[in-house]
Amino acid sequence: MGDVEKGRSLVSEQEQDFPLVLREVMEVLEPEYEGMIIGGVAVIAWGHSRATTDIDATLRISEPELAALIKRFSEKGIVPRIRNALEFARSRHVLLLRHRGSQIDIDLISM
C-alpha cells in the first residue's frame, strides 16, 4: 500500500512550512526595505516548476541597519545560521539566516 493510500502525506514538514516562512520573511522586509524575492521562489512565481529548499532575496539596506534587521527577524524565529553573521554580512553583503522551527535557510543579499 502506498503512502497516500495509508493516509500519509508525501509533502515534507519543511515543504508545508515553506509558505509560512516566506510570509514571515515578507512581513519583516516589505514595510521598510526595497528589494525582491529571487532564486527558486521567483522562478515558481513566474509559473515554472522548480524545486527549492531556501528563500533568497535582495534588499537595499545600509550597513548600520543590519543589526536591527537581525533583531526583527529573530522575533519571528529567523536567526543567523553562522557565527559572526553580522560581520559576514558587512563584509560579504549576504546575511545568512535560518528559520528555527523548519530549518529553512534564508539568504539576504544586501545592495
PDB file of N, CA and C in Angstrom:
ATOM      1  N   MET A   1       0.833  -1.172   0.000  1.00  0.00           N
ATOM      2  CA  MET A   1       0.000   0.000   0.000  1.00  0.00           C
ATOM      3  C   MET A   1       0.886   1.245   0.000  1.00  0.00           C
ATOM      4  N   GLY A   2       0.585   2.209  -0.854  1.00  0.00           N
ATOM      5  CA  GLY A   2       1.389   3.426  -0.936  1.00  0.00           C
ATOM      6  C   GLY A   2       1.118   4.363   0.227  1.00  0.00           C
ATOM      7  N   ASP A   3       1.983   5.363   0.398  1.00  0.00           N
ATOM      8  CA  ASP A   3       1.832   6.324   1.490  1.00  0.00           C
ATOM      9  C   ASP A   3       0.510   7.078   1.411  1.00  0.00           C
ATOM     10  N   VAL A   4       0.100   7.449   0.194  1.00  0.00           N
ATOM     11  CA  VAL A   4      -1.149   8.191   0.054  1.00  0.00           C
ATOM     12  C   VAL A   4      -2.321   7.323   0.462  1.00  0.00           C
ATOM     13  N   GLU A   5      -2.298   6.059   0.079  1.00  0.00           N
ATOM     14  CA  GLU A   5      -3.381   5.146   0.428  1.00  0.00           C
ATOM     15  C   GLU A   5      -3.465   4.937   1.940  1.00  0.00           C
ATOM     16  N   LYS A   6      -2.351   5.012   2.629  1.00  0.00           N
ATOM     17  CA  LYS A   6      -2.334   4.837   4.081  1.00  0.00           C
ATOM     18  C   LYS A   6      -2.696   6.141   4.803  1.00  0.00           C
ATOM     19  N   GLY A   7      -2.938   7.187   4.038  1.00  0.00           N
ATOM     20  CA  GLY A   7      -3.300   8.457   4.648  1.00  0.00           C
ATOM     21  C   GLY A   7      -2.115   9.314   5.038  1.00  0.00           C
ATOM     22  N   ARG A   8      -0.921   8.952   4.613  1.00  0.00           N
ATOM     23  CA  ARG A   8       0.266   9.751   4.912  1.00  0.00           C
ATOM     24  C   ARG A   8       0.486  10.768   3.804  1.00  0.00           C
ATOM     25  N   SER A   9       0.937  11.926   4.179  1.00  0.00           N
ATOM     26  CA  SER A   9       1.233  12.964   3.205  1.00  0.00           C
ATOM     27  C   SER A   9       2.610  12.727   2.605  1.00  0.00           C
ATOM     28  N   LEU A  10       2.732  12.974   1.320  1.00  0.00           N
ATOM     29  CA  LEU A  10       4.030  12.877   0.662  1.00  0.00           C
ATOM     30  C   LEU A  10       4.784  14.206   0.721  1.00  0.00           C
ATOM     31  N   VAL A  11       4.143  15.226   1.272  1.00  0.00           N
ATOM     32  CA  VAL A  11       4.763  16.536   1.398  1.00  0.00           C
ATOM     33  C   VAL A  11       5.467  16.597   2.747  1.00  0.00           C
ATOM     34  N   SER A  12       6.739  16.959   2.726  1.00  0.00           N
ATOM     35  CA  SER A  12       7.507  17.025   3.969  1.00  0.00           C
ATOM     36  C   SER A  12       7.027  18.188   4.833  1.00  0.00           C
ATOM     37  N   GLU A  13       7.362  18.122   6.107  1.00  0.00           N
ATOM     38  CA  GLU A  13       7.011  19.220   7.007  1.00  0.00           C
ATOM     39  C   GLU A  13       7.657  20.508   6.551  1.00  0.00           C
ATOM     40  N   GLN A  14       8.895  20.440   6.064  1.00  0.00           N
ATOM     41  CA  GLN A  14       9.578  21.637   5.591  1.00  0.00           C
ATOM     42  C   GLN A  14       8.819  22.254   4.419  1.00  0.00           C
ATOM     43  N   GLU A  15       8.329  21.409   3.513  1.00  0.00           N
ATOM     44  CA  GLU A  15       7.559  21.924   2.380  1.00  0.00           C
ATOM     45  C   GLU A  15       6.259  22.561   2.852  1.00  0.00           C
ATOM     46  N   GLN A  16       5.640  21.988   3.866  1.00  0.00           N
ATOM     47  CA  GLN A  16       4.413  22.558   4.413  1.00  0.00           C
ATOM     48  C   GLN A  16       4.681  23.901   5.079  1.00  0.00           C
ATOM     49  N   ASP A  17       5.839  24.048   5.706  1.00  0.00           N
ATOM     50  CA  ASP A  17       6.197  25.286   6.402  1.00  0.00           C
ATOM     51  C   ASP A  17       6.668  26.386   5.459  1.00  0.00           C
ATOM     52  N   PHE A  18       7.045  26.036   4.247  1.00  0.00           N
ATOM     53  CA  PHE A  18       7.661  26.987   3.325  1.00  0.00           C
ATOM     54  C   PHE A  18       6.814  28.249   3.110  1.00  0.00           C
ATOM     55  N   PRO A  19       5.501  28.141   2.794  1.00  0.00           N
ATOM     56  CA  PRO A  19       4.712  29.365   2.598  1.00  0.00           C
ATOM     57  C   PRO A  19       4.647  30.231   3.856  1.00  0.00           C
ATOM     58  N   LEU A  20       4.589  29.614   5.019  1.00  0.00           N
ATOM     59  CA  LEU A  20       4.564  30.359   6.281  1.00  0.00           C
ATOM     60  C   LEU A  20       5.869  31.131   6.476  1.00  0.00           C
ATOM     61  N   VAL A  21       6.992  30.473   6.236  1.00  0.00           N
ATOM     62  CA  VAL A  21       8.291  31.120   6.408  1.00  0.00           C
ATOM     63  C   VAL A  21       8.447  32.254   5.388  1.00  0.00           C
ATOM     64  N   LEU A  22       8.033  32.024   4.150  1.00  0.00           N
ATOM     65  CA  LEU A  22       8.098  33.075   3.134  1.00  0.00           C
ATOM     66  C   LEU A  22       7.265  34.276   3.570  1.00  0.00           C
ATOM     67  N   ARG A  23       6.081  34.042   4.104  1.00  0.00           N
ATOM     68  CA  ARG A  23       5.225  35.124   4.592  1.00  0.00           C
ATOM     69  C   ARG A  23       5.923  35.896   5.709  1.00  0.00           C
ATOM     70  N   GLU A  24       6.570  35.171   6.623  1.00  0.00           N
ATOM     71  CA  GLU A  24       7.257  35.839   7.730  1.00  0.00           C
ATOM     72  C   GLU A  24       8.426  36.694   7.230  1.00  0.00           C
ATOM     73  N   VAL A  25       9.144  36.190   6.246  1.00  0.00           N
ATOM     74  CA  VAL A  25      10.230  36.979   5.642  1.00  0.00           C
ATOM     75  C   VAL A  25       9.660  38.259   5.043  1.00  0.00           C
ATOM     76  N   MET A  26       8.573  38.136   4.303  1.00  0.00           N
ATOM     77  CA  MET A  26       7.974  39.304   3.661  1.00  0.00           C
ATOM     78  C   MET A  26       7.425  40.289   4.694  1.00  0.00           C
ATOM     79  N   GLU A  27       6.890  39.796   5.796  1.00  0.00           N
ATOM     80  CA  GLU A  27       6.379  40.684   6.843  1.00  0.00           C
ATOM     81  C   GLU A  27       7.485  41.544   7.439  1.00  0.00           C
ATOM     82  N   VAL A  28       8.683  40.998   7.523  1.00  0.00           N
ATOM     83  CA  VAL A  28       9.811  41.774   8.045  1.00  0.00           C
ATOM     84  C   VAL A  28      10.320  42.750   6.988  1.00  0.00           C
ATOM     85  N   LEU A  29      10.429  42.304   5.745  1.00  0.00           N
ATOM     86  CA  LEU A  29      11.059  43.122   4.709  1.00  0.00           C
ATOM     87  C   LEU A  29      10.144  44.176   4.090  1.00  0.00           C
ATOM     88  N   GLU A  30       8.916  43.828   3.786  1.00  0.00           N
ATOM     89  CA  GLU A  30       8.053  44.702   2.990  1.00  0.00           C
ATOM     90  C   GLU A  30       7.853  46.110   3.546  1.00  0.00           C
ATOM     91  N   PRO A  31       7.587  46.275   4.823  1.00  0.00           N
ATOM     92  CA  PRO A  31       7.252  47.635   5.243  1.00  0.00           C
ATOM     93  C   PRO A  31       8.423  48.622   5.200  1.00  0.00           C
ATOM     94  N   GLU A  32       9.650  48.132   5.218  1.00  0.00           N
ATOM     95  CA  GLU A  32      10.767  49.063   5.384  1.00  0.00           C
ATOM     96  C   GLU A  32      11.858  49.010   4.329  1.00  0.00           C
ATOM     97  N   TYR A  33      11.927  47.959   3.556  1.00  0.00           N
ATOM     98  CA  TYR A  33      13.077  47.793   2.664  1.00  0.00           C
ATOM     99  C   TYR A  33      12.649  47.571   1.226  1.00  0.00           C
ATOM    100  N   GLU A  34      13.399  48.189   0.314  1.00  0.00           N
ATOM    101  CA  GLU A  34      13.220  47.899  -1.103  1.00  0.00           C
ATOM    102  C   GLU A  34      13.958  46.612  -1.407  1.00  0.00           C
ATOM    103  N   GLY A  35      13.363  45.763  -2.199  1.00  0.00           N
ATOM    104  CA  GLY A  35      14.035  44.530  -2.564  1.00  0.00           C
ATOM    105  C   GLY A  35      13.107  43.608  -3.299  1.00  0.00           C
ATOM    106  N   MET A  36      13.552  42.388  -3.491  1.00  0.00           N
ATOM    107  CA  MET A  36      12.723  41.411  -4.182  1.00  0.00           C
ATOM    108  C   MET A  36      13.158  40.005  -3.832  1.00  0.00           C
ATOM    109  N   ILE A  37      12.205  39.095  -3.977  1.00  0.00           N
ATOM    110  CA  ILE A  37      12.491  37.675  -3.831  1.00  0.00           C
ATOM    111  C   ILE A  37      13.132  37.219  -5.138  1.00  0.00           C
ATOM    112  N   ILE A  38      14.196  36.445  -5.031  1.00  0.00           N
ATOM    113  CA  ILE A  38      14.905  35.950  -6.219  1.00  0.00           C
ATOM    114  C   ILE A  38      15.058  34.432  -6.094  1.00  0.00           C
ATOM    115  N   GLY A  39      15.760  33.826  -7.011  1.00  0.00           N
ATOM    116  CA  GLY A  39      16.060  32.400  -6.923  1.00  0.00           C
ATOM    117  C   GLY A  39      14.866  31.538  -7.265  1.00  0.00           C
ATOM    118  N   GLY A  40      14.825  30.357  -6.660  1.00  0.00           N
ATOM    119  CA  GLY A  40      13.803  29.363  -6.966  1.00  0.00           C
ATOM    120  C   GLY A  40      12.389  29.844  -6.711  1.00  0.00           C
ATOM    121  N   VAL A  41      12.181  30.605  -5.643  1.00  0.00           N
ATOM    122  CA  VAL A  41      10.837  31.098  -5.344  1.00  0.00           C
ATOM    123  C   VAL A  41      10.364  32.040  -6.448  1.00  0.00           C
ATOM    124  N   ALA A  42      11.253  32.883  -6.959  1.00  0.00           N
ATOM    125  CA  ALA A  42      10.887  33.792  -8.050  1.00  0.00           C
ATOM    126  C   ALA A  42      10.549  33.012  -9.319  1.00  0.00           C
ATOM    127  N   VAL A  43      11.309  31.971  -9.594  1.00  0.00           N
ATOM    128  CA  VAL A  43      11.027  31.136 -10.771  1.00  0.00           C
ATOM    129  C   VAL A  43       9.647  30.510 -10.650  1.00  0.00           C
ATOM    130  N   ILE A  44       9.306  30.012  -9.475  1.00  0.00           N
ATOM    131  CA  ILE A  44       7.988  29.416  -9.238  1.00  0.00           C
ATOM    132  C   ILE A  44       6.889  30.471  -9.425  1.00  0.00           C
ATOM    133  N   ALA A  45       7.127  31.688  -8.923  1.00  0.00           N
ATOM    134  CA  ALA A  45       6.135  32.759  -9.048  1.00  0.00           C
ATOM    135  C   ALA A  45       5.864  33.104 -10.510  1.00  0.00           C
ATOM    136  N   TRP A  46       6.848  32.883 -11.371  1.00  0.00           N
ATOM    137  CA  TRP A  46       6.676  33.131 -12.807  1.00  0.00           C
ATOM    138  C   TRP A  46       6.017  31.945 -13.507  1.00  0.00           C
ATOM    139  N   GLY A  47       5.638  30.938 -12.745  1.00  0.00           N
ATOM    140  CA  GLY A  47       4.863  29.838 -13.301  1.00  0.00           C
ATOM    141  C   GLY A  47       5.663  28.655 -13.799  1.00  0.00           C
ATOM    142  N   HIS A  48       6.928  28.602 -13.441  1.00  0.00           N
ATOM    143  CA  HIS A  48       7.763  27.479 -13.855  1.00  0.00           C
ATOM    144  C   HIS A  48       7.924  26.512 -12.685  1.00  0.00           C
ATOM    145  N   SER A  49       7.883  25.247 -12.980  1.00  0.00           N
ATOM    146  CA  SER A  49       8.061  24.236 -11.951  1.00  0.00           C
ATOM    147  C   SER A  49       9.522  24.198 -11.531  1.00  0.00           C
ATOM    148  N   ARG A  50       9.757  24.249 -10.235  1.00  0.00           N
ATOM    149  CA  ARG A  50      11.136  24.241  -9.744  1.00  0.00           C
ATOM    150  C   ARG A  50      11.134  23.815  -8.292  1.00  0.00           C
ATOM    151  N   ALA A  51      12.004  22.924  -7.948  1.00  0.00           N
ATOM    152  CA  ALA A  51      12.167  22.542  -6.545  1.00  0.00           C
ATOM    153  C   ALA A  51      13.146  23.513  -5.897  1.00  0.00           C
ATOM    154  N   THR A  52      12.828  23.946  -4.704  1.00  0.00           N
ATOM    155  CA  THR A  52      13.734  24.815  -3.966  1.00  0.00           C
ATOM    156  C   THR A  52      13.595  24.528  -2.482  1.00  0.00           C
ATOM    157  N   THR A  53      14.659  24.714  -1.758  1.00  0.00           N
ATOM    158  CA  THR A  53      14.633  24.446  -0.321  1.00  0.00           C
ATOM    159  C   THR A  53      15.006  25.662   0.501  1.00  0.00           C
ATOM    160  N   ASP A  54      15.207  26.802  -0.169  1.00  0.00           N
ATOM    161  CA  ASP A  54      15.574  28.004   0.576  1.00  0.00           C
ATOM    162  C   ASP A  54      14.852  29.213   0.007  1.00  0.00           C
ATOM    163  N   ILE A  55      15.018  30.338   0.680  1.00  0.00           N
ATOM    164  CA  ILE A  55      14.434  31.598   0.254  1.00  0.00           C
ATOM    165  C   ILE A  55      15.584  32.564   0.043  1.00  0.00           C
ATOM    166  N   ASP A  56      15.615  33.168  -1.141  1.00  0.00           N
ATOM    167  CA  ASP A  56      16.652  34.137  -1.490  1.00  0.00           C
ATOM    168  C   ASP A  56      15.987  35.474  -1.780  1.00  0.00           C
ATOM    169  N   ALA A  57      16.604  36.547  -1.314  1.00  0.00           N
ATOM    170  CA  ALA A  57      16.064  37.877  -1.576  1.00  0.00           C
ATOM    171  C   ALA A  57      17.198  38.883  -1.657  1.00  0.00           C
ATOM    172  N   THR A  58      16.931  39.968  -2.363  1.00  0.00           N
ATOM    173  CA  THR A  58      17.831  41.112  -2.347  1.00  0.00           C
ATOM    174  C   THR A  58      17.122  42.228  -1.596  1.00  0.00           C
ATOM    175  N   LEU A  59      17.892  43.098  -0.973  1.00  0.00           N
ATOM    176  CA  LEU A  59      17.282  44.251  -0.331  1.00  0.00           C
ATOM    177  C   LEU A  59      18.273  45.391  -0.259  1.00  0.00           C
ATOM    178  N   ARG A  60      17.704  46.577  -0.320  1.00  0.00           N
ATOM    179  CA  ARG A  60      18.506  47.780  -0.172  1.00  0.00           C
ATOM    180  C   ARG A  60      18.522  48.124   1.313  1.00  0.00           C
ATOM    181  N   ILE A  61      19.703  48.059   1.904  1.00  0.00           N
ATOM    182  CA  ILE A  61      19.836  48.305   3.338  1.00  0.00           C
ATOM    183  C   ILE A  61      21.219  48.890   3.599  1.00  0.00           C
ATOM    184  N   SER A  62      21.275  49.826   4.520  1.00  0.00           N
ATOM    185  CA  SER A  62      22.574  50.378   4.880  1.00  0.00           C
ATOM    186  C   SER A  62      23.219  49.495   5.941  1.00  0.00           C
ATOM    187  N   GLU A  63      24.519  49.543   6.003  1.00  0.00           N
ATOM    188  CA  GLU A  63      25.245  48.703   6.965  1.00  0.00           C
ATOM    189  C   GLU A  63      24.785  48.919   8.410  1.00  0.00           C
ATOM    190  N   PRO A  64      24.537  50.157   8.836  1.00  0.00           N
ATOM    191  CA  PRO A  64      24.094  50.346  10.224  1.00  0.00           C
ATOM    192  C   PRO A  64      22.726  49.716  10.531  1.00  0.00           C
ATOM    193  N   GLU A  65      21.911  49.454   9.519  1.00  0.00           N
ATOM    194  CA  GLU A  65      20.586  48.873   9.738  1.00  0.00           C
ATOM    195  C   GLU A  65      20.607  47.350   9.909  1.00  0.00           C
ATOM    196  N   LEU A  66      21.725  46.698   9.611  1.00  0.00           N
ATOM    197  CA  LEU A  66      21.779  45.237   9.631  1.00  0.00           C
ATOM    198  C   LEU A  66      21.477  44.641  11.007  1.00  0.00           C
ATOM    199  N   ALA A  67      22.026  45.214  12.059  1.00  0.00           N
ATOM    200  CA  ALA A  67      21.803  44.668  13.409  1.00  0.00           C
ATOM    201  C   ALA A  67      20.323  44.722  13.774  1.00  0.00           C
ATOM    202  N   ALA A  68      19.655  45.830  13.445  1.00  0.00           N
ATOM    203  CA  ALA A  68      18.224  45.945  13.729  1.00  0.00           C
ATOM    204  C   ALA A  68      17.419  44.942  12.907  1.00  0.00           C
ATOM    205  N   LEU A  69      17.845  44.696  11.669  1.00  0.00           N
ATOM    206  CA  LEU A  69      17.160  43.723  10.823  1.00  0.00           C
ATOM    207  C   LEU A  69      17.277  42.315  11.419  1.00  0.00           C
ATOM    208  N   ILE A  70      18.451  41.956  11.886  1.00  0.00           N
ATOM    209  CA  ILE A  70      18.643  40.644  12.518  1.00  0.00           C
ATOM    210  C   ILE A  70      17.731  40.517  13.732  1.00  0.00           C
ATOM    211  N   LYS A  71      17.608  41.574  14.511  1.00  0.00           N
ATOM    212  CA  LYS A  71      16.725  41.546  15.690  1.00  0.00           C
ATOM    213  C   LYS A  71      15.268  41.351  15.278  1.00  0.00           C
ATOM    214  N   ARG A  72      14.830  42.045  14.240  1.00  0.00           N
ATOM    215  CA  ARG A  72      13.442  41.892  13.776  1.00  0.00           C
ATOM    216  C   ARG A  72      13.190  40.466  13.293  1.00  0.00           C
ATOM    217  N   PHE A  73      14.145  39.887  12.572  1.00  0.00           N
ATOM    218  CA  PHE A  73      13.976  38.510  12.119  1.00  0.00           C
ATOM    219  C   PHE A  73      13.943  37.546  13.303  1.00  0.00           C
ATOM    220  N   SER A  74      14.770  37.782  14.305  1.00  0.00           N
ATOM    221  CA  SER A  74      14.815  36.860  15.447  1.00  0.00           C
ATOM    222  C   SER A  74      13.478  36.822  16.178  1.00  0.00           C
ATOM    223  N   GLU A  75      12.728  37.907  16.136  1.00  0.00           N
ATOM    224  CA  GLU A  75      11.400  37.938  16.748  1.00  0.00           C
ATOM    225  C   GLU A  75      10.426  37.003  16.026  1.00  0.00           C
ATOM    226  N   LYS A  76      10.743  36.626  14.792  1.00  0.00           N
ATOM    227  CA  LYS A  76       9.929  35.694  14.005  1.00  0.00           C
ATOM    228  C   LYS A  76      10.514  34.279  14.035  1.00  0.00           C
ATOM    229  N   GLY A  77      11.555  34.064  14.833  1.00  0.00           N
ATOM    230  CA  GLY A  77      12.184  32.746  14.887  1.00  0.00           C
ATOM    231  C   GLY A  77      13.147  32.507  13.738  1.00  0.00           C
ATOM    232  N   ILE A  78      13.578  33.591  13.100  1.00  0.00           N
ATOM    233  CA  ILE A  78      14.540  33.504  11.996  1.00  0.00           C
ATOM    234  C   ILE A  78      15.859  34.061  12.526  1.00  0.00           C
ATOM    235  N   VAL A  79      16.858  33.204  12.618  1.00  0.00           N
ATOM    236  CA  VAL A  79      18.088  33.552  13.321  1.00  0.00           C
ATOM    237  C   VAL A  79      19.308  33.343  12.421  1.00  0.00           C
ATOM    238  N   PRO A  80      20.432  33.994  12.755  1.00  0.00           N
ATOM    239  CA  PRO A  80      21.648  33.758  11.973  1.00  0.00           C
ATOM    240  C   PRO A  80      22.034  32.283  11.998  1.00  0.00           C
ATOM    241  N   ARG A  81      22.513  31.777  10.867  1.00  0.00           N
ATOM    242  CA  ARG A  81      22.904  30.362  10.817  1.00  0.00           C
ATOM    243  C   ARG A  81      24.414  30.157  10.872  1.00  0.00           C
ATOM    244  N   ILE A  82      25.157  31.251  11.002  1.00  0.00           N
ATOM    245  CA  ILE A  82      26.602  31.155  11.188  1.00  0.00           C
ATOM    246  C   ILE A  82      27.004  32.088  12.333  1.00  0.00           C
ATOM    247  N   ARG A  83      28.139  31.778  12.916  1.00  0.00           N
ATOM    248  CA  ARG A  83      28.702  32.695  13.904  1.00  0.00           C
ATOM    249  C   ARG A  83      29.127  33.963  13.182  1.00  0.00           C
ATOM    250  N   ASN A  84      29.071  35.065  13.883  1.00  0.00           N
ATOM    251  CA  ASN A  84      29.502  36.344  13.341  1.00  0.00           C
ATOM    252  C   ASN A  84      28.751  36.712  12.053  1.00  0.00           C
ATOM    253  N   ALA A  85      27.461  36.414  12.021  1.00  0.00           N
ATOM    254  CA  ALA A  85      26.647  36.684  10.827  1.00  0.00           C
ATOM    255  C   ALA A  85      26.644  38.162  10.462  1.00  0.00           C
ATOM    256  N   LEU A  86      26.639  39.021  11.460  1.00  0.00           N
ATOM    257  CA  LEU A  86      26.632  40.457  11.187  1.00  0.00           C
ATOM    258  C   LEU A  86      27.922  40.890  10.498  1.00  0.00           C
ATOM    259  N   GLU A  87      29.057  40.440  10.999  1.00  0.00           N
ATOM    260  CA  GLU A  87      30.334  40.786  10.382  1.00  0.00           C
ATOM    261  C   GLU A  87      30.434  40.202   8.971  1.00  0.00           C
ATOM    262  N   PHE A  88      29.948  38.960   8.797  1.00  0.00           N
ATOM    263  CA  PHE A  88      29.938  38.329   7.482  1.00  0.00           C
ATOM    264  C   PHE A  88      29.090  39.151   6.514  1.00  0.00           C
ATOM    265  N   ALA A  89      27.912  39.576   6.958  1.00  0.00           N
ATOM    266  CA  ALA A  89      27.023  40.373   6.099  1.00  0.00           C
ATOM    267  C   ALA A  89      27.659  41.708   5.741  1.00  0.00           C
ATOM    268  N   ARG A  90      28.353  42.302   6.684  1.00  0.00           N
ATOM    269  CA  ARG A  90      29.006  43.584   6.399  1.00  0.00           C
ATOM    270  C   ARG A  90      30.119  43.440   5.371  1.00  0.00           C
ATOM    271  N   SER A  91      30.854  42.357   5.430  1.00  0.00           N
ATOM    272  CA  SER A  91      31.985  42.192   4.504  1.00  0.00           C
ATOM    273  C   SER A  91      31.604  41.523   3.189  1.00  0.00           C
ATOM    274  N   ARG A  92      30.606  40.651   3.206  1.00  0.00           N
ATOM    275  CA  ARG A  92      30.245  39.881   2.002  1.00  0.00           C
ATOM    276  C   ARG A  92      28.905  40.294   1.391  1.00  0.00           C
ATOM    277  N   HIS A  93      28.163  41.140   2.088  1.00  0.00           N
ATOM    278  CA  HIS A  93      26.853  41.620   1.613  1.00  0.00           C
ATOM    279  C   HIS A  93      25.817  40.511   1.489  1.00  0.00           C
ATOM    280  N   VAL A  94      25.953  39.474   2.306  1.00  0.00           N
ATOM    281  CA  VAL A  94      24.980  38.382   2.353  1.00  0.00           C
ATOM    282  C   VAL A  94      24.712  38.054   3.818  1.00  0.00           C
ATOM    283  N   LEU A  95      23.445  38.125   4.202  1.00  0.00           N
ATOM    284  CA  LEU A  95      23.040  37.771   5.554  1.00  0.00           C
ATOM    285  C   LEU A  95      22.463  36.361   5.509  1.00  0.00           C
ATOM    286  N   LEU A  96      23.092  35.440   6.218  1.00  0.00           N
ATOM    287  CA  LEU A  96      22.714  34.027   6.199  1.00  0.00           C
ATOM    288  C   LEU A  96      21.874  33.705   7.424  1.00  0.00           C
ATOM    289  N   LEU A  97      20.602  33.394   7.185  1.00  0.00           N
ATOM    290  CA  LEU A  97      19.648  33.149   8.259  1.00  0.00           C
ATOM    291  C   LEU A  97      19.036  31.760   8.133  1.00  0.00           C
ATOM    292  N   ARG A  98      18.341  31.337   9.186  1.00  0.00           N
ATOM    293  CA  ARG A  98      17.626  30.048   9.171  1.00  0.00           C
ATOM    294  C   ARG A  98      16.378  30.190  10.046  1.00  0.00           C
ATOM    295  N   HIS A  99      15.286  29.684   9.536  1.00  0.00           N
ATOM    296  CA  HIS A  99      14.055  29.637  10.332  1.00  0.00           C
ATOM    297  C   HIS A  99      14.219  28.511  11.344  1.00  0.00           C
ATOM    298  N   ARG A 100      14.172  28.861  12.608  1.00  0.00           N
ATOM    299  CA  ARG A 100      14.483  27.911  13.679  1.00  0.00           C
ATOM    300  C   ARG A 100      13.560  26.689  13.661  1.00  0.00           C
ATOM    301  N   GLY A 101      12.279  26.873  13.473  1.00  0.00           N
ATOM    302  CA  GLY A 101      11.335  25.763  13.540  1.00  0.00           C
ATOM    303  C   GLY A 101      11.429  24.797  12.382  1.00  0.00           C
ATOM    304  N   SER A 102      11.536  25.323  11.167  1.00  0.00           N
ATOM    305  CA  SER A 102      11.510  24.482   9.964  1.00  0.00           C
ATOM    306  C   SER A 102      12.897  24.160   9.413  1.00  0.00           C
ATOM    307  N   GLN A 103      13.897  24.889   9.850  1.00  0.00           N
ATOM    308  CA  GLN A 103      15.273  24.749   9.345  1.00  0.00           C
ATOM    309  C   GLN A 103      15.402  25.210   7.890  1.00  0.00           C
ATOM    310  N   ILE A 104      14.480  26.039   7.424  1.00  0.00           N
ATOM    311  CA  ILE A 104      14.560  26.598   6.071  1.00  0.00           C
ATOM    312  C   ILE A 104      15.597  27.717   6.084  1.00  0.00           C
ATOM    313  N   ASP A 105      16.532  27.673   5.141  1.00  0.00           N
ATOM    314  CA  ASP A 105      17.563  28.697   5.025  1.00  0.00           C
ATOM    315  C   ASP A 105      17.037  29.898   4.270  1.00  0.00           C
ATOM    316  N   ILE A 106      17.520  31.080   4.671  1.00  0.00           N
ATOM    317  CA  ILE A 106      17.151  32.330   4.054  1.00  0.00           C
ATOM    318  C   ILE A 106      18.442  33.094   3.796  1.00  0.00           C
ATOM    319  N   ASP A 107      18.661  33.476   2.541  1.00  0.00           N
ATOM    320  CA  ASP A 107      19.847  34.246   2.148  1.00  0.00           C
ATOM    321  C   ASP A 107      19.398  35.617   1.683  1.00  0.00           C
ATOM    322  N   LEU A 108      19.865  36.661   2.366  1.00  0.00           N
ATOM    323  CA  LEU A 108      19.509  38.042   2.006  1.00  0.00           C
ATOM    324  C   LEU A 108      20.747  38.733   1.469  1.00  0.00           C
ATOM    325  N   ILE A 109      20.672  39.178   0.239  1.00  0.00           N
ATOM    326  CA  ILE A 109      21.787  39.854  -0.416  1.00  0.00           C
ATOM    327  C   ILE A 109      21.533  41.356  -0.317  1.00  0.00           C
ATOM    328  N   SER A 110      22.434  42.051   0.325  1.00  0.00           N
ATOM    329  CA  SER A 110      22.244  43.488   0.506  1.00  0.00           C
ATOM    330  C   SER A 110      22.895  44.257  -0.635  1.00  0.00           C
ATOM    331  N   MET A 111      22.226  45.334  -0.999  1.00  0.00           N
ATOM    332  CA  MET A 111      22.720  46.194  -2.092  1.00  0.00           C
ATOM    333  C   MET A 111      23.049  47.557  -1.525  1.00  0.00           C
TER     334      MET A 111
END
